Amino acid sequence: MPALKPTEFRAVIRWIGRVEDRGAGLRSGALERAMLGFAGLDGEAHGGETRVSCSRVTAQHPKGTEIANVRQLSVLSVEEMARIAADMGLERLEPDYLGATLVIEGIPDFTLVPPSSRLQAPSGATLVIDMENRPCLWPAKEVEAEHAGHGKGFMAAAQNRRGVTAWVERGGEIALGDELVLHIPDQPVWPHLAQARG
C-alpha cells in the first residue's frame, strides 16, 4: 500500500522567486522558471543540502550545528496572502517582501497541510513539505519599508497563513503556470497530539 496518497487538490504556480544574497535582505527576485536540485533552487540563498541550525530548533540542536536543510524553499498561497494583506489593511502583499520561493493558488488552508506532504510538478520535480513557516520580523521589515505603519501587523496577520518550508525530494524544472499535485501521507492524525503540545 502506498505511503503517500495523490489527491484531487491541485495548485498552480503563480510566482517563482530567488533570494540571491540573504545578507543584503529577504527580498526575492521574480523568475519565470527555475531548476530544482537536491540543494534546492539553483542560486537561492536558502539552498544547500545542509544548513546551520537557528533559533527555531534550539530544543533539538545547539545554535550553529550543521543539520539537514529542510528549509530550502518557502512556499505560500495566493489565498492566504490575500487574507494577510486584508488583515493588515493593505490592498495587496507582494511575494518578494516575504522572500517567497513559490506562491501557489488552489489549495485551501495551505499552511496547514500535513507535514511530509508532497507537491509534484509535471516535470516530476517533487517538494516535501517540512512544516509551517512561522511568521518572523524579516518580512515585517520589508512590508514596513514599502507601507509605513503596516509592518507591525504582519506577524499577527500571518499566523497560520505564512505558508510552509519545503525541501527537494526529486529535481526537475518548474515554471509559472505549472500545476502541482498534492500528495498527503496516508495515515491518521496522532491521537496524542494535543497532549504532546501541552
Protein backbone atom coordinates (compact mmCIF):
# COMPACT_ATOMS: atom_id res chain seq x y z
CA MET A 1 0.00 0.00 0.00
CA PRO A 2 1.45 3.42 -0.95
CA ALA A 3 2.55 5.59 1.97
CA LEU A 4 1.62 8.77 0.09
CA LYS A 5 -1.80 9.34 -1.45
CA PRO A 6 -2.25 11.51 -4.55
CA THR A 7 -5.21 13.83 -4.03
CA GLU A 8 -7.59 15.77 -6.22
CA PHE A 9 -6.12 19.01 -4.84
CA ARG A 10 -4.15 20.94 -7.42
CA ALA A 11 -2.23 24.21 -7.20
CA VAL A 12 -0.96 26.47 -9.96
CA ILE A 13 2.41 28.19 -9.62
CA ARG A 14 1.78 31.96 -9.73
CA TRP A 15 5.20 33.21 -8.57
CA ILE A 16 8.75 31.88 -8.52
CA GLY A 17 11.37 33.89 -6.67
CA ARG A 18 15.00 33.66 -5.67
CA VAL A 19 16.80 35.39 -2.80
CA GLU A 20 20.33 35.73 -4.15
CA ASP A 21 22.03 37.36 -1.16
CA ARG A 22 20.45 36.77 2.26
CA GLY A 23 22.90 39.24 3.80
CA ALA A 24 21.54 42.01 1.59
CA GLY A 25 17.92 41.36 2.61
CA LEU A 26 14.99 38.98 2.38
CA ARG A 27 13.53 40.18 -0.92
CA SER A 28 13.29 37.67 -3.73
CA GLY A 29 13.62 38.42 -7.43
CA ALA A 30 10.97 37.09 -9.83
CA LEU A 31 11.69 34.23 -12.24
CA GLU A 32 9.61 32.64 -14.99
CA ARG A 33 11.12 29.20 -14.48
CA ALA A 34 13.71 27.53 -12.29
CA MET A 35 15.64 24.30 -11.93
CA LEU A 36 15.36 22.42 -8.66
CA GLY A 37 18.06 20.05 -7.43
CA PHE A 38 18.86 18.28 -4.19
CA ALA A 39 20.28 21.54 -2.82
CA GLY A 40 17.09 23.45 -3.64
CA LEU A 41 16.60 26.16 -6.24
CA ASP A 42 19.75 26.97 -8.18
CA GLY A 43 21.39 30.17 -6.87
CA GLU A 44 18.98 30.58 -3.93
CA ALA A 45 20.48 31.90 -0.69
CA HIS A 46 18.42 29.45 1.41
CA GLY A 47 19.63 26.49 -0.65
CA GLY A 48 22.10 23.79 0.23
CA GLU A 49 21.80 20.20 1.37
CA THR A 50 22.75 21.26 4.90
CA ARG A 51 22.37 24.44 6.90
CA VAL A 52 23.43 25.86 10.25
CA SER A 53 20.79 25.41 12.94
CA CYS A 54 18.97 28.53 14.09
CA SER A 55 16.69 29.62 16.93
CA ARG A 56 13.79 27.54 15.51
CA VAL A 57 15.45 24.26 16.53
CA THR A 58 17.39 25.06 19.71
CA ALA A 59 15.31 22.48 21.62
CA GLN A 60 16.95 19.86 19.38
CA HIS A 61 20.37 21.25 18.41
CA PRO A 62 22.76 23.88 19.79
CA LYS A 63 22.65 27.01 17.64
CA GLY A 64 25.19 26.80 14.84
CA THR A 65 25.11 22.99 14.48
CA GLU A 66 25.22 21.66 10.92
CA ILE A 67 21.90 19.93 10.14
CA ALA A 68 19.99 18.78 7.06
CA ASN A 69 18.38 21.69 5.23
CA VAL A 70 14.64 21.11 5.20
CA ARG A 71 14.08 24.87 4.70
CA GLN A 72 15.34 25.14 1.13
CA LEU A 73 12.16 26.76 -0.16
CA SER A 74 9.41 29.00 1.19
CA VAL A 75 6.00 28.22 -0.33
CA LEU A 76 2.99 30.49 0.19
CA SER A 77 -0.52 30.63 -1.24
CA VAL A 78 -2.30 33.41 -3.11
CA GLU A 79 -5.39 32.91 -0.94
CA GLU A 80 -3.59 33.20 2.39
CA MET A 81 -1.51 36.16 1.24
CA ALA A 82 -4.73 37.97 0.36
CA ARG A 83 -6.08 37.32 3.86
CA ILE A 84 -2.84 38.55 5.45
CA ALA A 85 -2.97 41.74 3.36
CA ALA A 86 -6.62 42.37 4.24
CA ASP A 87 -5.95 41.95 7.96
CA MET A 88 -3.04 44.39 7.67
CA GLY A 89 -5.18 46.96 5.86
CA LEU A 90 -3.30 46.56 2.58
CA GLU A 91 -4.76 46.02 -0.86
CA ARG A 92 -2.05 43.52 -1.78
CA LEU A 93 1.02 41.83 -0.29
CA GLU A 94 3.86 41.33 -2.75
CA PRO A 95 5.61 37.92 -2.67
CA ASP A 96 9.07 39.47 -2.89
CA TYR A 97 8.54 41.18 0.51
CA LEU A 98 8.23 37.71 2.05
CA GLY A 99 11.26 36.16 0.40
CA ALA A 100 8.94 33.67 -1.29
CA THR A 101 10.33 30.91 -3.46
CA LEU A 102 6.92 29.82 -4.71
CA VAL A 103 3.44 31.27 -4.50
CA ILE A 104 0.73 28.82 -5.47
CA GLU A 105 -3.02 29.07 -5.92
CA GLY A 106 -5.72 26.49 -5.40
CA ILE A 107 -5.17 24.58 -2.13
CA PRO A 108 -7.40 25.77 0.74
CA ASP A 109 -5.75 26.41 4.12
CA PHE A 110 -2.43 25.60 2.51
CA THR A 111 -0.27 26.43 5.55
CA LEU A 112 -1.99 23.64 7.48
CA VAL A 113 -1.41 20.74 5.05
CA PRO A 114 0.17 17.78 6.85
CA PRO A 115 3.96 17.76 7.22
CA SER A 116 5.62 15.32 4.80
CA SER A 117 3.01 16.05 2.10
CA ARG A 118 4.39 16.40 -1.41
CA LEU A 119 3.83 18.88 -4.22
CA GLN A 120 4.69 17.32 -7.58
CA ALA A 121 5.21 19.26 -10.83
CA PRO A 122 4.64 17.98 -14.39
CA SER A 123 8.43 17.54 -14.79
CA GLY A 124 8.43 15.15 -11.83
CA ALA A 125 10.10 17.73 -9.58
CA THR A 126 8.82 17.00 -6.08
CA LEU A 127 8.85 19.11 -2.94
CA VAL A 128 8.48 17.66 0.56
CA ILE A 129 6.64 19.96 2.94
CA ASP A 130 8.54 20.18 6.21
CA MET A 131 6.21 22.29 8.34
CA GLU A 132 4.54 25.65 8.79
CA ASN A 133 6.84 28.62 8.24
CA ARG A 134 6.24 30.71 11.35
CA PRO A 135 5.87 34.49 10.92
CA CYS A 136 9.02 36.45 11.73
CA LEU A 137 10.32 40.01 11.77
CA TRP A 138 12.17 39.94 8.43
CA PRO A 139 9.07 40.15 6.20
CA ALA A 140 7.57 42.71 8.58
CA LYS A 141 10.60 44.96 7.96
CA GLU A 142 10.19 44.63 4.18
CA VAL A 143 6.48 45.49 4.42
CA GLU A 144 7.26 48.47 6.65
CA ALA A 145 9.81 49.76 4.13
CA GLU A 146 7.08 49.92 1.46
CA HIS A 147 4.00 50.64 3.58
CA ALA A 148 4.97 52.65 6.64
CA GLY A 149 2.90 51.79 9.70
CA HIS A 150 1.74 48.41 8.38
CA GLY A 151 4.77 46.21 9.06
CA LYS A 152 3.96 45.84 12.75
CA GLY A 153 0.76 43.99 11.87
CA PHE A 154 2.43 41.27 9.83
CA MET A 155 3.17 38.69 12.50
CA ALA A 156 -0.38 38.58 13.86
CA ALA A 157 -1.99 38.65 10.41
CA ALA A 158 0.32 35.90 9.11
CA GLN A 159 -0.35 33.46 11.97
CA ASN A 160 -1.16 30.05 10.39
CA ARG A 161 -1.05 31.70 6.94
CA ARG A 162 2.69 32.18 6.34
CA GLY A 163 2.97 29.10 4.16
CA VAL A 164 5.41 26.24 4.59
CA THR A 165 9.05 25.42 4.21
CA ALA A 166 9.99 22.59 1.89
CA TRP A 167 12.92 20.63 0.50
CA VAL A 168 13.55 18.94 -2.83
CA GLU A 169 12.98 15.19 -2.95
CA ARG A 170 13.30 14.95 -6.75
CA GLY A 171 14.84 17.53 -9.03
CA GLY A 172 13.40 19.00 -12.20
CA GLU A 173 12.20 22.20 -13.80
CA ILE A 174 9.28 24.26 -12.55
CA ALA A 175 7.65 27.16 -14.39
CA LEU A 176 4.93 29.74 -13.93
CA GLY A 177 1.57 28.16 -14.70
CA ASP A 178 2.68 24.63 -13.81
CA GLU A 179 0.07 22.58 -11.99
CA LEU A 180 1.25 20.90 -8.81
CA VAL A 181 -0.46 17.80 -7.42
CA LEU A 182 -0.78 17.50 -3.65
CA HIS A 183 0.10 14.08 -2.17
CA ILE A 184 -0.57 13.51 1.53
CA PRO A 185 0.72 10.89 3.99
CA ASP A 186 -1.79 8.03 4.19
CA GLN A 187 -2.03 7.92 7.97
CA PRO A 188 -4.41 9.21 10.64
CA VAL A 189 -3.63 12.16 12.89
CA TRP A 190 -1.76 11.06 16.03
CA PRO A 191 -4.40 10.94 18.80
CA HIS A 192 -1.97 12.30 21.42
CA LEU A 193 -1.08 15.47 19.52
CA ALA A 194 -2.94 17.84 21.86
CA GLN A 195 -1.30 16.26 24.92
CA ALA A 196 2.18 16.45 23.36
CA ARG A 197 1.73 20.12 22.54
CA GLY A 198 0.80 20.78 26.17
